Protein backbone atom coordinates (compact mmCIF):
# COMPACT_ATOMS: atom_id res chain seq x y z
CA MET A 1 15.56 -4.38 -4.28
CA ALA A 2 12.27 -3.13 -5.77
CA THR A 3 12.30 -2.17 -9.43
CA THR A 4 9.91 -0.57 -11.84
CA GLU A 5 9.71 -0.41 -15.61
CA SER A 6 10.59 2.99 -17.09
CA THR A 7 8.99 4.35 -20.24
CA GLU A 8 11.95 3.00 -22.22
CA GLY A 9 11.43 -0.54 -20.94
CA LYS A 10 14.55 -0.57 -18.72
CA SER A 11 14.43 -1.60 -15.10
CA GLY A 12 15.58 0.80 -12.44
CA PRO A 13 15.19 1.54 -8.74
CA LYS A 14 11.70 2.60 -7.71
CA ARG A 15 11.21 6.27 -6.80
CA ILE A 16 10.37 6.86 -3.12
CA GLY A 17 6.94 8.27 -2.29
CA ALA A 18 6.06 11.73 -1.02
CA PRO A 19 5.84 10.85 2.72
CA ALA A 20 9.29 9.22 2.62
CA ALA A 21 10.70 12.16 0.65
CA MET A 22 9.42 14.58 3.31
CA HIS A 23 11.05 12.55 6.07
CA HIS A 24 14.36 12.20 4.20
CA ALA A 25 14.50 15.93 3.40
CA ALA A 26 14.00 17.03 7.02
CA ALA A 27 16.26 14.38 8.56
CA GLN A 28 19.19 14.79 6.18
CA LEU A 29 19.14 18.59 6.32
CA ALA A 30 19.01 18.52 10.13
CA GLN A 31 22.00 16.18 10.16
CA MET A 32 23.98 18.42 7.78
CA LEU A 33 23.21 21.69 9.60
CA GLN A 34 23.04 20.35 13.16
CA CYS A 35 19.76 22.28 13.56
CA GLU A 36 16.34 21.18 14.77
CA PRO A 37 13.96 20.67 11.82
CA GLY A 38 10.64 22.47 12.21
CA SER A 39 8.54 21.25 9.31
CA VAL A 40 8.43 20.57 5.60
CA SER A 41 6.42 23.45 4.14
CA ALA A 42 6.53 22.36 0.49
CA LEU A 43 7.30 19.24 -1.52
CA LYS A 44 7.40 18.87 -5.29
CA GLY A 45 8.36 16.02 -7.56
CA THR A 46 11.00 16.88 -10.16
CA ASP A 47 12.44 15.07 -13.17
CA ASP A 48 15.45 14.07 -11.05
CA GLY A 49 13.72 13.31 -7.73
CA TRP A 50 12.22 15.71 -5.21
CA SER A 51 12.46 19.35 -4.13
CA ALA A 52 11.36 20.26 -0.59
CA ASP A 53 11.26 23.43 1.51
CA VAL A 54 12.27 22.65 5.09
CA GLU A 55 11.92 25.08 8.00
CA VAL A 56 14.60 24.84 10.70
CA VAL A 57 15.40 26.61 13.97
CA GLU A 58 18.78 28.27 13.37
CA ILE A 59 19.05 30.16 16.67
CA GLN A 60 16.99 29.11 19.71
CA ARG A 61 15.97 32.05 21.93
CA VAL A 62 13.69 32.74 24.87
CA PRO A 63 10.88 33.49 24.35
CA ASP A 64 10.31 31.05 21.49
CA THR A 65 8.89 33.78 19.24
CA ALA A 66 12.33 35.44 19.23
CA SER A 67 14.03 32.35 17.76
CA VAL A 68 15.57 32.71 14.31
CA MET A 69 14.12 30.37 11.69
CA ALA A 70 15.32 29.60 8.18
CA SER A 71 13.75 28.04 5.13
CA TYR A 72 15.95 25.74 3.05
CA ARG A 73 15.23 24.31 -0.39
CA VAL A 74 16.44 20.70 -0.35
CA TYR A 75 17.03 18.63 -3.48
CA LEU A 76 16.74 14.83 -3.29
CA ASP A 77 17.38 12.18 -5.92
CA ASP A 78 14.79 9.49 -6.75
CA GLN A 79 15.99 7.39 -3.81
CA GLY A 80 15.68 10.22 -1.28
CA GLU A 81 19.38 11.02 -0.95
CA LEU A 82 20.25 14.68 -0.46
CA VAL A 83 22.06 16.04 -3.53
CA GLY A 84 21.94 19.76 -2.68
CA TYR A 85 20.40 22.48 -0.54
CA GLU A 86 20.24 26.27 -0.29
CA ARG A 87 18.89 28.73 2.29
CA THR A 88 16.09 30.73 0.72
CA ARG A 89 14.83 32.77 3.68
CA ARG A 90 15.67 33.73 7.27
CA TYR A 91 13.05 35.14 9.65
CA ALA A 92 11.90 35.51 13.27
CA ARG A 93 9.69 32.63 14.42
CA GLY A 94 6.75 34.91 15.19
CA GLN A 95 6.89 36.61 11.77
CA ILE A 96 3.90 36.15 9.44
CA ASP A 97 4.07 36.41 5.63
CA ARG A 98 1.82 39.06 4.11
C-alpha cells in the first residue's frame, strides 16, 4: 500500500489523483442510482477528499434532446470512496444555461 508523509510526520494512505477521482465519482454514482453517467462537469479537491458534479441521464426519451438529465454533487474521501451525494439540478438534455 502506498503511503505519504503528512505535515505532522505521520504516514497515511496516499490521496488519489484527479483523473481517478473523476472516474470513481461517475462510476459509484451510476451504480447507486442505476442511471447512465453523462460526464463529470466539475471536480474540486477538499480537505476531506474530493467534490465532483456528475451529470446523469435520469429519464431516457426519444428524441435524445427530450431526455431528463440531472446534476449530482458527489463527495469522495481521499481514497475515492463515495461518502455522500445530492441532486443539485434537473433539466432537459437540450437545455442551455444562460
